[in-house]
Amino acid sequence: MPQYCYKCGNCEHEFETWHSMKERLDDCPECESVKSLYRVPYFTINRKIDKAVKVGSVVKKSIEEAKKEIEEDKKKARKEDYES
């Protein structure tokens, strides 16, 4: 489903929503005025950049970095002398 941006001609409330291409919203959810919405041209240029990064890759990278830090901390802890 495509994403659309609407603006109310009455209260100027602007919002984004997802719906089918056949559907069209007319009534404002904010001020509840009837047939006051119009579509605002909406461009998603940045989406191409976002799609280049695989979903979860940022999380995976963070997990790998955390694992490395933990291993380094373990090595340091093994080398330290502890007083009993």
N, C-alpha and C. Protein backbone atom coordinates (compact mmCIF):
# COMPACT_ATOMS: atom_id res chain seq x y z
N MET A 1 0.84 -1.19 0.00
CA MET A 1 0.00 0.00 0.00
C MET A 1 0.88 1.25 0.00
N PRO A 2 0.50 2.24 -0.75
CA PRO A 2 1.27 3.49 -0.78
C PRO A 2 0.96 4.38 0.43
N GLN A 3 1.87 5.28 0.69
CA GLN A 3 1.71 6.23 1.78
C GLN A 3 1.29 7.57 1.19
N TYR A 4 0.33 8.21 1.84
CA TYR A 4 -0.17 9.50 1.37
C TYR A 4 -0.08 10.53 2.48
N CYS A 5 0.05 11.78 2.09
CA CYS A 5 0.06 12.90 3.02
C CYS A 5 -1.18 13.74 2.75
N TYR A 6 -1.92 14.05 3.81
CA TYR A 6 -3.13 14.85 3.68
C TYR A 6 -3.01 16.11 4.53
N LYS A 7 -3.74 17.14 4.11
CA LYS A 7 -3.80 18.38 4.89
C LYS A 7 -5.25 18.86 4.89
N CYS A 8 -5.67 19.35 6.03
CA CYS A 8 -7.04 19.85 6.17
C CYS A 8 -7.08 21.31 5.72
N GLY A 9 -8.04 21.63 4.88
CA GLY A 9 -8.21 23.00 4.42
C GLY A 9 -8.83 23.89 5.48
N ASN A 10 -9.40 23.27 6.52
CA ASN A 10 -10.06 24.03 7.57
C ASN A 10 -9.10 24.36 8.73
N CYS A 11 -8.49 23.33 9.33
CA CYS A 11 -7.63 23.56 10.50
C CYS A 11 -6.14 23.44 10.17
N GLU A 12 -5.80 23.08 8.94
CA GLU A 12 -4.44 22.93 8.46
C GLU A 12 -3.68 21.80 9.13
N HIS A 13 -4.40 20.85 9.73
CA HIS A 13 -3.79 19.65 10.31
C HIS A 13 -3.22 18.81 9.17
N GLU A 14 -1.95 18.38 9.31
CA GLU A 14 -1.29 17.60 8.28
C GLU A 14 -0.88 16.25 8.86
N PHE A 15 -1.10 15.17 8.11
CA PHE A 15 -0.75 13.84 8.60
C PHE A 15 -0.47 12.91 7.42
N GLU A 16 0.21 11.81 7.74
CA GLU A 16 0.53 10.80 6.75
C GLU A 16 -0.23 9.53 7.09
N THR A 17 -0.62 8.78 6.06
CA THR A 17 -1.34 7.54 6.28
C THR A 17 -1.08 6.57 5.13
N TRP A 18 -1.32 5.32 5.38
CA TRP A 18 -1.18 4.28 4.37
C TRP A 18 -2.57 3.79 4.00
N HIS A 19 -2.85 3.68 2.71
CA HIS A 19 -4.10 3.08 2.26
C HIS A 19 -3.98 2.71 0.79
N SER A 20 -4.98 2.00 0.29
CA SER A 20 -4.92 1.56 -1.10
C SER A 20 -5.05 2.75 -2.05
N MET A 21 -4.66 2.53 -3.29
CA MET A 21 -4.71 3.61 -4.27
C MET A 21 -6.14 4.03 -4.59
N LYS A 22 -7.08 3.12 -4.43
CA LYS A 22 -8.48 3.41 -4.72
C LYS A 22 -9.16 4.23 -3.62
N GLU A 23 -8.63 4.12 -2.42
CA GLU A 23 -9.22 4.81 -1.28
C GLU A 23 -8.81 6.28 -1.26
N ARG A 24 -9.67 7.13 -0.74
CA ARG A 24 -9.35 8.55 -0.60
C ARG A 24 -10.04 9.06 0.67
N LEU A 25 -9.31 9.78 1.49
CA LEU A 25 -9.87 10.33 2.72
C LEU A 25 -10.45 11.71 2.45
N ASP A 26 -11.57 12.01 3.10
CA ASP A 26 -12.24 13.30 2.92
C ASP A 26 -12.39 14.09 4.21
N ASP A 27 -12.67 13.38 5.31
CA ASP A 27 -13.00 14.05 6.58
C ASP A 27 -11.76 14.15 7.48
N CYS A 28 -11.59 15.32 8.09
CA CYS A 28 -10.44 15.58 8.95
C CYS A 28 -10.60 14.87 10.30
N PRO A 29 -9.60 14.07 10.72
CA PRO A 29 -9.69 13.40 12.02
C PRO A 29 -9.45 14.36 13.19
N GLU A 30 -8.87 15.50 12.93
CA GLU A 30 -8.54 16.46 13.98
C GLU A 30 -9.74 17.36 14.32
N CYS A 31 -10.24 18.08 13.34
CA CYS A 31 -11.35 19.02 13.60
C CYS A 31 -12.70 18.44 13.18
N GLU A 32 -12.67 17.24 12.57
CA GLU A 32 -13.88 16.51 12.15
C GLU A 32 -14.70 17.24 11.10
N SER A 33 -14.10 18.16 10.37
CA SER A 33 -14.83 18.84 9.30
C SER A 33 -14.98 17.88 8.12
N VAL A 34 -16.09 17.99 7.43
CA VAL A 34 -16.43 17.07 6.35
C VAL A 34 -15.88 17.57 5.02
N LYS A 35 -15.29 16.66 4.26
CA LYS A 35 -14.74 16.92 2.94
C LYS A 35 -13.78 18.12 2.90
N SER A 36 -12.90 18.17 3.89
CA SER A 36 -11.94 19.29 3.96
C SER A 36 -10.51 18.86 3.68
N LEU A 37 -10.28 17.56 3.49
CA LEU A 37 -8.91 17.09 3.26
C LEU A 37 -8.53 17.13 1.79
N TYR A 38 -7.26 17.41 1.56
CA TYR A 38 -6.71 17.30 0.22
C TYR A 38 -5.33 16.69 0.32
N ARG A 39 -4.94 15.97 -0.71
CA ARG A 39 -3.63 15.33 -0.73
C ARG A 39 -2.53 16.35 -1.00
N VAL A 40 -1.47 16.19 -0.25
CA VAL A 40 -0.29 17.03 -0.42
C VAL A 40 0.73 16.21 -1.20
N PRO A 41 1.38 16.78 -2.20
CA PRO A 41 2.42 16.02 -2.91
C PRO A 41 3.45 15.50 -1.91
N TYR A 42 3.74 14.23 -2.02
CA TYR A 42 4.58 13.56 -1.04
C TYR A 42 5.69 12.82 -1.78
N PHE A 43 6.93 13.19 -1.51
CA PHE A 43 8.06 12.56 -2.16
C PHE A 43 8.89 11.82 -1.14
N THR A 44 9.28 10.62 -1.46
CA THR A 44 10.06 9.80 -0.53
C THR A 44 11.43 9.52 -1.12
N ILE A 45 12.19 10.54 -1.30
CA ILE A 45 13.54 10.41 -1.87
C ILE A 45 14.45 9.64 -0.92
N ASN A 46 14.33 9.88 0.38
CA ASN A 46 15.21 9.23 1.35
C ASN A 46 14.92 7.75 1.51
N ARG A 47 13.81 7.28 1.07
CA ARG A 47 13.48 5.86 1.21
C ARG A 47 14.45 4.98 0.45
N LYS A 48 14.96 5.44 -0.69
CA LYS A 48 15.92 4.64 -1.44
C LYS A 48 17.18 4.42 -0.63
N ILE A 49 17.58 5.42 0.10
CA ILE A 49 18.76 5.30 0.95
C ILE A 49 18.49 4.31 2.08
N ASP A 50 17.31 4.39 2.68
CA ASP A 50 16.95 3.48 3.76
C ASP A 50 16.90 2.03 3.29
N LYS A 51 16.43 1.80 2.07
CA LYS A 51 16.32 0.43 1.57
C LYS A 51 17.68 -0.17 1.27
N ALA A 52 18.69 0.66 1.07
CA ALA A 52 20.03 0.15 0.80
C ALA A 52 20.60 -0.55 2.02
N VAL A 53 20.16 -0.16 3.21
CA VAL A 53 20.60 -0.78 4.45
C VAL A 53 19.62 -1.89 4.78
N LYS A 54 20.14 -3.10 4.94
CA LYS A 54 19.25 -4.22 5.24
C LYS A 54 18.62 -4.03 6.61
N VAL A 55 17.39 -4.50 6.72
CA VAL A 55 16.67 -4.41 7.99
C VAL A 55 17.44 -5.18 9.05
N GLY A 56 17.66 -4.58 10.17
CA GLY A 56 18.36 -5.23 11.28
C GLY A 56 19.87 -5.12 11.22
N SER A 57 20.42 -4.56 10.16
CA SER A 57 21.88 -4.50 10.05
C SER A 57 22.49 -3.58 11.12
N VAL A 58 21.79 -2.53 11.47
CA VAL A 58 22.29 -1.61 12.50
C VAL A 58 22.31 -2.32 13.85
N VAL A 59 21.26 -3.09 14.13
CA VAL A 59 21.20 -3.84 15.39
C VAL A 59 22.30 -4.91 15.41
N LYS A 60 22.45 -5.61 14.30
CA LYS A 60 23.46 -6.65 14.22
C LYS A 60 24.86 -6.08 14.45
N LYS A 61 25.12 -4.91 13.86
CA LYS A 61 26.42 -4.26 14.04
C LYS A 61 26.64 -3.89 15.50
N SER A 62 25.61 -3.38 16.16
CA SER A 62 25.72 -3.01 17.57
C SER A 62 25.98 -4.23 18.44
N ILE A 63 25.32 -5.35 18.13
CA ILE A 63 25.53 -6.59 18.88
C ILE A 63 26.96 -7.08 18.72
N GLU A 64 27.46 -7.05 17.50
CA GLU A 64 28.84 -7.49 17.25
C GLU A 64 29.84 -6.61 18.00
N GLU A 65 29.62 -5.31 18.02
CA GLU A 65 30.51 -4.40 18.76
C GLU A 65 30.46 -4.69 20.26
N ALA A 66 29.26 -4.96 20.77
CA ALA A 66 29.11 -5.26 22.20
C ALA A 66 29.84 -6.57 22.55
N LYS A 67 29.74 -7.57 21.66
CA LYS A 67 30.43 -8.84 21.90
C LYS A 67 31.94 -8.63 21.97
N LYS A 68 32.48 -7.79 21.08
CA LYS A 68 33.91 -7.52 21.08
C LYS A 68 34.33 -6.84 22.39
N GLU A 69 33.53 -5.89 22.84
CA GLU A 69 33.84 -5.20 24.09
C GLU A 69 33.82 -6.16 25.27
N ILE A 70 32.85 -7.07 25.28
CA ILE A 70 32.76 -8.05 26.37
C ILE A 70 33.99 -8.96 26.37
N GLU A 71 34.40 -9.41 25.20
CA GLU A 71 35.59 -10.27 25.11
C GLU A 71 36.83 -9.53 25.60
N GLU A 72 36.97 -8.27 25.25
CA GLU A 72 38.11 -7.48 25.72
C GLU A 72 38.08 -7.32 27.23
N ASP A 73 36.88 -7.08 27.79
CA ASP A 73 36.75 -6.95 29.24
C ASP A 73 37.09 -8.26 29.93
N LYS A 74 36.71 -9.40 29.35
CA LYS A 74 37.03 -10.70 29.93
C LYS A 74 38.54 -10.92 29.96
N LYS A 75 39.22 -10.56 28.86
CA LYS A 75 40.68 -10.72 28.80
C LYS A 75 41.36 -9.87 29.85
N LYS A 76 40.89 -8.63 30.02
CA LYS A 76 41.47 -7.74 31.04
C LYS A 76 41.23 -8.30 32.43
N ALA A 77 40.04 -8.82 32.66
CA ALA A 77 39.70 -9.36 33.98
C ALA A 77 40.55 -10.58 34.31
N ARG A 78 40.86 -11.42 33.33
CA ARG A 78 41.68 -12.61 33.57
C ARG A 78 43.12 -12.24 33.92
N LYS A 79 43.61 -11.12 33.39
CA LYS A 79 44.98 -10.69 33.64
C LYS A 79 45.15 -10.01 34.99
N GLU A 80 44.06 -9.48 35.54
CA GLU A 80 44.16 -8.76 36.81
C GLU A 80 44.33 -9.72 37.97
N ASP A 81 45.06 -9.27 38.98
CA ASP A 81 45.22 -10.03 40.22
C ASP A 81 44.15 -9.55 41.19
N TYR A 82 43.48 -10.49 41.77
CA TYR A 82 42.44 -10.15 42.74
C TYR A 82 42.93 -10.47 44.13
N GLU A 83 42.69 -9.56 45.05
CA GLU A 83 43.03 -9.79 46.44
C GLU A 83 41.89 -10.49 47.13
N SER A 84 42.20 -11.49 47.95
CA SER A 84 41.13 -12.22 48.62
C SER A 84 40.99 -11.81 50.06
